[in-house]
Amino acid sequence: MGRPIKEKKRYIGENGLWYYFCIRCEEYKDERYMYTNKHKAFGVDIYCSTCKKEERYERYRKPTMNEQYGTSYVAQTGKHLRIYPTPFDDEDLNEYLTNMGYDTTQPIYLQFKKRIEDKYGVILEMDDIPYQEKEDNGL
């Protein structure tokens, strides 16, 4: 029985330099190429500098939508991340405006002006904006 044999974490090379084992790339590297950490034994971390940078990048970066959901969120669910329907067609637009509390049989422009006046007490002066009423859907 006994304890399992561990691989050496460091050794002195023929040139007299210390070589340390990087657990990520599984290679012995010169002390110059190891990541320094004064809280670890011998002042050297368990990763080489290159592997430590990769490990930090993987740990702290946020996944993109494609990585998080596997494929594009829009392609997977058919839903856009916006709250309004795209592209606008008359049915979606009427449903959207109805959900917001507008009466689609009346001009939306005048209802919007009235809402702003009631909510904020401000009368909108939009005389310079041309107003055109559409016959088919009240917009």
N, C-alpha and C. Protein backbone atom coordinates (compact mmCIF):
# COMPACT_ATOMS: atom_id res chain seq x y z
N MET A 1 0.84 -1.18 0.00
CA MET A 1 0.00 0.00 0.00
C MET A 1 0.89 1.24 0.00
N GLY A 2 0.54 2.19 0.83
CA GLY A 2 1.33 3.41 0.91
C GLY A 2 0.71 4.53 0.09
N ARG A 3 1.36 5.63 0.13
CA ARG A 3 0.87 6.79 -0.59
C ARG A 3 1.18 6.65 -2.08
N PRO A 4 0.31 7.27 -2.91
CA PRO A 4 0.61 7.22 -4.35
C PRO A 4 1.83 8.08 -4.66
N ILE A 5 2.59 7.66 -5.64
CA ILE A 5 3.78 8.40 -6.03
C ILE A 5 3.36 9.63 -6.80
N LYS A 6 3.81 10.79 -6.34
CA LYS A 6 3.50 12.05 -7.02
C LYS A 6 4.64 12.39 -7.97
N GLU A 7 4.25 13.03 -9.05
CA GLU A 7 5.26 13.50 -9.97
C GLU A 7 5.95 14.71 -9.35
N LYS A 8 7.22 14.87 -9.64
CA LYS A 8 7.96 16.00 -9.09
C LYS A 8 7.37 17.30 -9.62
N LYS A 9 7.22 18.29 -8.72
CA LYS A 9 6.70 19.58 -9.14
C LYS A 9 7.82 20.50 -9.60
N ARG A 10 9.05 20.20 -9.19
CA ARG A 10 10.17 21.03 -9.62
C ARG A 10 11.45 20.20 -9.57
N TYR A 11 12.39 20.62 -10.35
CA TYR A 11 13.72 20.01 -10.32
C TYR A 11 14.72 21.01 -10.85
N ILE A 12 15.98 20.73 -10.60
CA ILE A 12 17.06 21.59 -11.09
C ILE A 12 17.56 20.97 -12.38
N GLY A 13 17.57 21.77 -13.43
CA GLY A 13 18.03 21.30 -14.73
C GLY A 13 19.54 21.24 -14.81
N GLU A 14 20.03 20.76 -15.94
CA GLU A 14 21.47 20.64 -16.15
C GLU A 14 22.17 22.00 -16.18
N ASN A 15 21.40 23.01 -16.58
CA ASN A 15 21.99 24.34 -16.65
C ASN A 15 21.93 25.07 -15.31
N GLY A 16 21.42 24.42 -14.27
CA GLY A 16 21.38 25.00 -12.94
C GLY A 16 20.12 25.82 -12.65
N LEU A 17 19.17 25.87 -13.58
CA LEU A 17 17.93 26.61 -13.38
C LEU A 17 16.84 25.70 -12.83
N TRP A 18 15.93 26.29 -12.08
CA TRP A 18 14.79 25.53 -11.57
C TRP A 18 13.74 25.38 -12.66
N TYR A 19 13.19 24.17 -12.79
CA TYR A 19 12.10 23.89 -13.72
C TYR A 19 10.89 23.46 -12.90
N TYR A 20 9.73 24.04 -13.25
CA TYR A 20 8.50 23.75 -12.53
C TYR A 20 7.49 23.12 -13.47
N PHE A 21 6.60 22.31 -12.92
CA PHE A 21 5.60 21.59 -13.70
C PHE A 21 4.32 22.43 -13.78
N CYS A 22 3.84 22.70 -14.98
CA CYS A 22 2.57 23.39 -15.20
C CYS A 22 1.48 22.33 -15.31
N ILE A 23 0.45 22.41 -14.46
CA ILE A 23 -0.55 21.35 -14.45
C ILE A 23 -1.54 21.46 -15.62
N ARG A 24 -1.54 22.58 -16.31
CA ARG A 24 -2.48 22.74 -17.42
C ARG A 24 -1.89 22.20 -18.72
N CYS A 25 -0.72 22.66 -19.06
CA CYS A 25 -0.11 22.17 -20.30
C CYS A 25 0.74 20.92 -20.07
N GLU A 26 0.91 20.53 -18.80
CA GLU A 26 1.62 19.32 -18.39
C GLU A 26 3.04 19.27 -18.94
N GLU A 27 3.74 20.38 -18.78
CA GLU A 27 5.13 20.47 -19.21
C GLU A 27 5.96 21.10 -18.09
N TYR A 28 7.23 20.77 -18.07
CA TYR A 28 8.15 21.45 -17.18
C TYR A 28 8.66 22.69 -17.88
N LYS A 29 8.62 23.81 -17.17
CA LYS A 29 9.07 25.06 -17.78
C LYS A 29 10.03 25.76 -16.83
N ASP A 30 10.89 26.53 -17.45
CA ASP A 30 11.87 27.32 -16.71
C ASP A 30 11.15 28.29 -15.77
N GLU A 31 11.80 28.63 -14.69
CA GLU A 31 11.21 29.51 -13.67
C GLU A 31 10.80 30.86 -14.27
N ARG A 32 11.50 31.29 -15.30
CA ARG A 32 11.16 32.57 -15.94
C ARG A 32 9.78 32.54 -16.59
N TYR A 33 9.33 31.38 -17.03
CA TYR A 33 8.07 31.27 -17.75
C TYR A 33 6.89 30.89 -16.86
N MET A 34 7.16 30.71 -15.59
CA MET A 34 6.08 30.36 -14.66
C MET A 34 5.45 31.63 -14.10
N TYR A 35 4.17 31.55 -13.78
CA TYR A 35 3.46 32.68 -13.19
C TYR A 35 3.89 32.80 -11.73
N THR A 36 4.23 34.00 -11.31
CA THR A 36 4.69 34.17 -9.93
C THR A 36 3.51 34.42 -9.00
N ASN A 37 3.57 33.80 -7.83
CA ASN A 37 2.55 33.98 -6.80
C ASN A 37 3.26 33.82 -5.46
N LYS A 38 3.40 34.90 -4.72
CA LYS A 38 4.19 34.85 -3.50
C LYS A 38 3.50 34.05 -2.39
N HIS A 39 2.22 33.73 -2.55
CA HIS A 39 1.50 32.96 -1.54
C HIS A 39 1.63 31.45 -1.75
N LYS A 40 2.17 31.03 -2.87
CA LYS A 40 2.37 29.60 -3.15
C LYS A 40 3.77 29.19 -2.73
N ALA A 41 3.97 27.89 -2.66
CA ALA A 41 5.29 27.38 -2.31
C ALA A 41 6.31 27.81 -3.36
N PHE A 42 7.45 28.22 -2.93
CA PHE A 42 8.57 28.65 -3.77
C PHE A 42 8.26 29.91 -4.56
N GLY A 43 7.15 30.58 -4.29
CA GLY A 43 6.81 31.82 -4.99
C GLY A 43 6.38 31.62 -6.43
N VAL A 44 6.00 30.39 -6.78
CA VAL A 44 5.62 30.08 -8.16
C VAL A 44 4.25 29.43 -8.15
N ASP A 45 3.38 29.87 -9.07
CA ASP A 45 2.04 29.32 -9.18
C ASP A 45 2.09 27.97 -9.88
N ILE A 46 0.94 27.28 -9.92
CA ILE A 46 0.89 25.95 -10.54
C ILE A 46 0.72 26.04 -12.05
N TYR A 47 0.55 27.27 -12.57
CA TYR A 47 0.40 27.46 -14.02
C TYR A 47 1.59 28.25 -14.55
N CYS A 48 1.91 28.01 -15.82
CA CYS A 48 2.87 28.88 -16.48
C CYS A 48 2.14 30.18 -16.86
N SER A 49 2.86 31.18 -17.29
CA SER A 49 2.26 32.49 -17.58
C SER A 49 1.21 32.40 -18.68
N THR A 50 1.48 31.65 -19.72
CA THR A 50 0.53 31.51 -20.83
C THR A 50 -0.75 30.83 -20.38
N CYS A 51 -0.62 29.74 -19.65
CA CYS A 51 -1.80 29.01 -19.18
C CYS A 51 -2.60 29.82 -18.17
N LYS A 52 -1.93 30.62 -17.35
CA LYS A 52 -2.63 31.44 -16.36
C LYS A 52 -3.48 32.50 -17.07
N LYS A 53 -2.96 33.09 -18.14
CA LYS A 53 -3.73 34.07 -18.89
C LYS A 53 -4.97 33.42 -19.52
N GLU A 54 -4.80 32.23 -20.09
CA GLU A 54 -5.93 31.52 -20.68
C GLU A 54 -6.96 31.14 -19.61
N GLU A 55 -6.49 30.69 -18.47
CA GLU A 55 -7.39 30.29 -17.38
C GLU A 55 -8.18 31.48 -16.86
N ARG A 56 -7.53 32.62 -16.72
CA ARG A 56 -8.23 33.83 -16.28
C ARG A 56 -9.26 34.27 -17.30
N TYR A 57 -8.91 34.23 -18.57
CA TYR A 57 -9.81 34.64 -19.63
C TYR A 57 -11.06 33.76 -19.62
N GLU A 58 -10.88 32.46 -19.50
CA GLU A 58 -12.03 31.54 -19.50
C GLU A 58 -12.89 31.73 -18.26
N ARG A 59 -12.28 32.03 -17.13
CA ARG A 59 -13.04 32.15 -15.89
C ARG A 59 -13.86 33.43 -15.84
N TYR A 60 -13.31 34.54 -16.31
CA TYR A 60 -13.94 35.82 -16.09
C TYR A 60 -14.74 36.38 -17.26
N ARG A 61 -14.57 35.84 -18.45
CA ARG A 61 -15.32 36.43 -19.56
C ARG A 61 -16.76 35.94 -19.52
N LYS A 62 -17.67 36.75 -20.02
CA LYS A 62 -19.08 36.39 -20.04
C LYS A 62 -19.39 35.65 -21.33
N PRO A 63 -20.20 34.62 -21.28
CA PRO A 63 -20.53 33.91 -22.51
C PRO A 63 -21.44 34.75 -23.41
N THR A 64 -21.26 34.60 -24.71
CA THR A 64 -22.12 35.31 -25.64
C THR A 64 -23.47 34.61 -25.69
N MET A 65 -24.45 35.25 -26.32
CA MET A 65 -25.78 34.66 -26.43
C MET A 65 -25.72 33.33 -27.17
N ASN A 66 -24.90 33.26 -28.23
CA ASN A 66 -24.80 32.02 -29.00
C ASN A 66 -24.21 30.90 -28.16
N GLU A 67 -23.21 31.20 -27.34
CA GLU A 67 -22.61 30.18 -26.48
C GLU A 67 -23.56 29.78 -25.36
N GLN A 68 -24.32 30.75 -24.84
CA GLN A 68 -25.20 30.46 -23.72
C GLN A 68 -26.37 29.59 -24.15
N TYR A 69 -26.93 29.84 -25.32
CA TYR A 69 -28.11 29.10 -25.77
C TYR A 69 -27.78 28.04 -26.80
N GLY A 70 -26.53 27.90 -27.19
CA GLY A 70 -26.15 26.88 -28.15
C GLY A 70 -26.22 27.39 -29.58
N THR A 71 -27.30 28.01 -29.96
CA THR A 71 -27.43 28.62 -31.28
C THR A 71 -27.93 30.04 -31.07
N SER A 72 -28.19 30.70 -32.13
CA SER A 72 -28.70 32.06 -32.03
C SER A 72 -30.05 32.03 -31.32
N TYR A 73 -30.24 32.94 -30.37
CA TYR A 73 -31.48 32.98 -29.59
C TYR A 73 -32.68 33.22 -30.50
N VAL A 74 -32.52 34.10 -31.48
CA VAL A 74 -33.63 34.39 -32.40
C VAL A 74 -33.94 33.17 -33.24
N ALA A 75 -32.90 32.48 -33.73
CA ALA A 75 -33.13 31.29 -34.55
C ALA A 75 -33.74 30.16 -33.73
N GLN A 76 -33.37 30.06 -32.47
CA GLN A 76 -33.84 28.97 -31.63
C GLN A 76 -35.29 29.19 -31.18
N THR A 77 -35.64 30.40 -30.78
CA THR A 77 -36.97 30.65 -30.23
C THR A 77 -37.91 31.34 -31.19
N GLY A 78 -37.37 31.99 -32.20
CA GLY A 78 -38.21 32.76 -33.10
C GLY A 78 -38.63 34.09 -32.52
N LYS A 79 -38.10 34.45 -31.35
CA LYS A 79 -38.44 35.70 -30.69
C LYS A 79 -37.26 36.66 -30.77
N HIS A 80 -37.59 37.91 -30.96
CA HIS A 80 -36.56 38.94 -30.91
C HIS A 80 -36.39 39.39 -29.47
N LEU A 81 -35.26 39.96 -29.16
CA LEU A 81 -35.01 40.43 -27.81
C LEU A 81 -35.63 41.79 -27.54
N ARG A 82 -36.26 42.38 -28.55
CA ARG A 82 -36.93 43.66 -28.37
C ARG A 82 -38.34 43.43 -27.85
N ILE A 83 -38.94 44.46 -27.26
CA ILE A 83 -40.29 44.31 -26.73
C ILE A 83 -41.35 44.59 -27.77
N TYR A 84 -40.97 45.14 -28.90
CA TYR A 84 -41.96 45.42 -29.93
C TYR A 84 -41.81 44.40 -31.05
N PRO A 85 -42.90 44.09 -31.73
CA PRO A 85 -42.82 43.09 -32.80
C PRO A 85 -42.07 43.64 -34.01
N THR A 86 -41.24 42.82 -34.61
CA THR A 86 -40.54 43.21 -35.82
C THR A 86 -40.69 42.10 -36.83
N PRO A 87 -40.87 42.34 -38.08
CA PRO A 87 -41.21 43.62 -38.66
C PRO A 87 -42.67 43.97 -38.36
N PHE A 88 -42.99 45.26 -38.40
CA PHE A 88 -44.36 45.69 -38.09
C PHE A 88 -45.28 45.35 -39.26
N ASP A 89 -46.35 44.66 -38.97
CA ASP A 89 -47.44 44.57 -39.91
C ASP A 89 -48.67 45.12 -39.19
N ASP A 90 -49.76 45.31 -39.91
CA ASP A 90 -50.92 46.01 -39.33
C ASP A 90 -51.50 45.27 -38.13
N GLU A 91 -51.55 43.93 -38.19
CA GLU A 91 -52.13 43.17 -37.07
C GLU A 91 -51.26 43.29 -35.82
N ASP A 92 -49.95 43.13 -35.99
CA ASP A 92 -49.04 43.25 -34.84
C ASP A 92 -49.06 44.66 -34.27
N LEU A 93 -49.11 45.66 -35.16
CA LEU A 93 -49.12 47.04 -34.72
C LEU A 93 -50.39 47.36 -33.94
N ASN A 94 -51.52 46.91 -34.45
CA ASN A 94 -52.78 47.14 -33.74
C ASN A 94 -52.79 46.43 -32.39
N GLU A 95 -52.28 45.20 -32.34
CA GLU A 95 -52.22 44.46 -31.07
C GLU A 95 -51.28 45.16 -30.08
N TYR A 96 -50.16 45.64 -30.58
CA TYR A 96 -49.19 46.33 -29.73
C TYR A 96 -49.79 47.61 -29.15
N LEU A 97 -50.45 48.38 -30.00
CA LEU A 97 -51.07 49.63 -29.53
C LEU A 97 -52.23 49.36 -28.58
N THR A 98 -52.99 48.30 -28.82
CA THR A 98 -54.09 47.93 -27.92
C THR A 98 -53.55 47.53 -26.56
N ASN A 99 -52.45 46.78 -26.54
CA ASN A 99 -51.84 46.39 -25.27
C ASN A 99 -51.32 47.59 -24.50
N MET A 100 -50.95 48.65 -25.20
CA MET A 100 -50.49 49.86 -24.54
C MET A 100 -51.65 50.73 -24.06
N GLY A 101 -52.87 50.36 -24.44
CA GLY A 101 -54.04 51.08 -23.97
C GLY A 101 -54.61 52.09 -24.93
N TYR A 102 -54.15 52.08 -26.19
CA TYR A 102 -54.67 53.00 -27.19
C TYR A 102 -55.89 52.38 -27.88
N ASP A 103 -56.82 53.23 -28.30
CA ASP A 103 -57.97 52.80 -29.09
C ASP A 103 -57.58 52.95 -30.55
N THR A 104 -57.48 51.85 -31.28
CA THR A 104 -56.98 51.90 -32.66
C THR A 104 -58.02 52.43 -33.64
N THR A 105 -59.25 52.64 -33.18
CA THR A 105 -60.26 53.22 -34.08
C THR A 105 -60.17 54.75 -34.07
N GLN A 106 -59.49 55.33 -33.11
CA GLN A 106 -59.31 56.78 -33.00
C GLN A 106 -57.87 57.13 -33.36
N PRO A 107 -57.61 58.38 -33.73
CA PRO A 107 -56.23 58.79 -34.06
C PRO A 107 -55.30 58.64 -32.84
N ILE A 108 -54.19 57.95 -33.03
CA ILE A 108 -53.23 57.69 -31.96
C ILE A 108 -52.54 58.99 -31.55
N TYR A 109 -52.29 59.86 -32.51
CA TYR A 109 -51.61 61.12 -32.25
C TYR A 109 -52.33 61.93 -31.18
N LEU A 110 -53.65 62.06 -31.32
CA LEU A 110 -54.42 62.85 -30.36
C LEU A 110 -54.49 62.16 -29.00
N GLN A 111 -54.56 60.81 -28.99
CA GLN A 111 -54.58 60.07 -27.73
C GLN A 111 -53.25 60.23 -26.99
N PHE A 112 -52.17 60.21 -27.74
CA PHE A 112 -50.85 60.37 -27.14
C PHE A 112 -50.72 61.77 -26.52
N LYS A 113 -51.17 62.78 -27.25
CA LYS A 113 -51.12 64.14 -26.74
C LYS A 113 -51.92 64.28 -25.45
N LYS A 114 -53.09 63.65 -25.41
CA LYS A 114 -53.96 63.70 -24.24
C LYS A 114 -53.30 63.00 -23.05
N ARG A 115 -52.68 61.85 -23.29
CA ARG A 115 -52.00 61.11 -22.21
C ARG A 115 -50.87 61.93 -21.59
N ILE A 116 -50.07 62.55 -22.42
CA ILE A 116 -48.96 63.36 -21.91
C ILE A 116 -49.49 64.53 -21.10
N GLU A 117 -50.56 65.14 -21.58
CA GLU A 117 -51.16 66.26 -20.86
C GLU A 117 -51.70 65.81 -19.51
N ASP A 118 -52.39 64.64 -19.47
CA ASP A 118 -52.94 64.13 -18.21
C ASP A 118 -51.86 63.70 -17.23
N LYS A 119 -50.83 63.03 -17.75
CA LYS A 119 -49.81 62.47 -16.87
C LYS A 119 -48.84 63.53 -16.34
N TYR A 120 -48.37 64.40 -17.21
CA TYR A 120 -47.33 65.34 -16.83
C TYR A 120 -47.81 66.79 -16.72
N GLY A 121 -49.03 67.05 -17.19
CA GLY A 121 -49.54 68.41 -17.16
C GLY A 121 -48.90 69.31 -18.18
N VAL A 122 -48.33 68.73 -19.23
CA VAL A 122 -47.64 69.48 -20.27
C VAL A 122 -48.46 69.39 -21.55
N ILE A 123 -48.70 70.52 -22.15
CA ILE A 123 -49.40 70.53 -23.43
C ILE A 123 -48.34 70.53 -24.52
N LEU A 124 -48.39 69.51 -25.36
CA LEU A 124 -47.40 69.39 -26.42
C LEU A 124 -47.75 70.35 -27.55
N GLU A 125 -46.76 71.10 -27.97
CA GLU A 125 -46.92 72.00 -29.10
C GLU A 125 -46.29 71.33 -30.30
N MET A 126 -47.07 70.61 -31.05
CA MET A 126 -46.55 69.89 -32.20
C MET A 126 -47.16 70.44 -33.48
N ASP A 127 -47.32 71.75 -33.55
CA ASP A 127 -47.92 72.36 -34.72
C ASP A 127 -47.00 72.28 -35.93
N ASP A 128 -45.69 72.21 -35.69
CA ASP A 128 -44.77 72.16 -36.81
C ASP A 128 -44.63 70.75 -37.38
N ILE A 129 -45.18 69.74 -36.67
CA ILE A 129 -45.13 68.36 -37.16
C ILE A 129 -46.39 68.11 -37.98
N PRO A 130 -46.25 67.77 -39.26
CA PRO A 130 -47.45 67.54 -40.07
C PRO A 130 -48.19 66.30 -39.58
N TYR A 131 -49.50 66.42 -39.46
CA TYR A 131 -50.34 65.31 -39.00
C TYR A 131 -51.16 64.81 -40.17
N GLN A 132 -51.07 63.50 -40.42
CA GLN A 132 -51.85 62.89 -41.49
C GLN A 132 -52.62 61.73 -40.89
N GLU A 133 -53.92 61.74 -41.08
CA GLU A 133 -54.76 60.66 -40.55
C GLU A 133 -54.95 59.63 -41.63
N LYS A 134 -54.76 58.36 -41.28
CA LYS A 134 -54.99 57.28 -42.22
C LYS A 134 -56.40 56.77 -42.03
N GLU A 135 -57.00 56.38 -43.11
CA GLU A 135 -58.40 55.94 -43.07
C GLU A 135 -58.54 54.51 -42.56
N ASP A 136 -57.59 53.61 -42.91
CA ASP A 136 -57.81 52.18 -42.69
C ASP A 136 -57.65 51.74 -41.23
N ASN A 137 -56.65 52.21 -40.49
CA ASN A 137 -56.46 51.67 -39.15
C ASN A 137 -56.37 52.77 -38.07
N GLY A 138 -56.67 53.97 -38.38
CA GLY A 138 -56.71 55.03 -37.38
C GLY A 138 -55.36 55.55 -36.95
N LEU A 139 -54.33 55.28 -37.71
CA LEU A 139 -53.00 55.75 -37.33
C LEU A 139 -52.66 57.04 -38.00
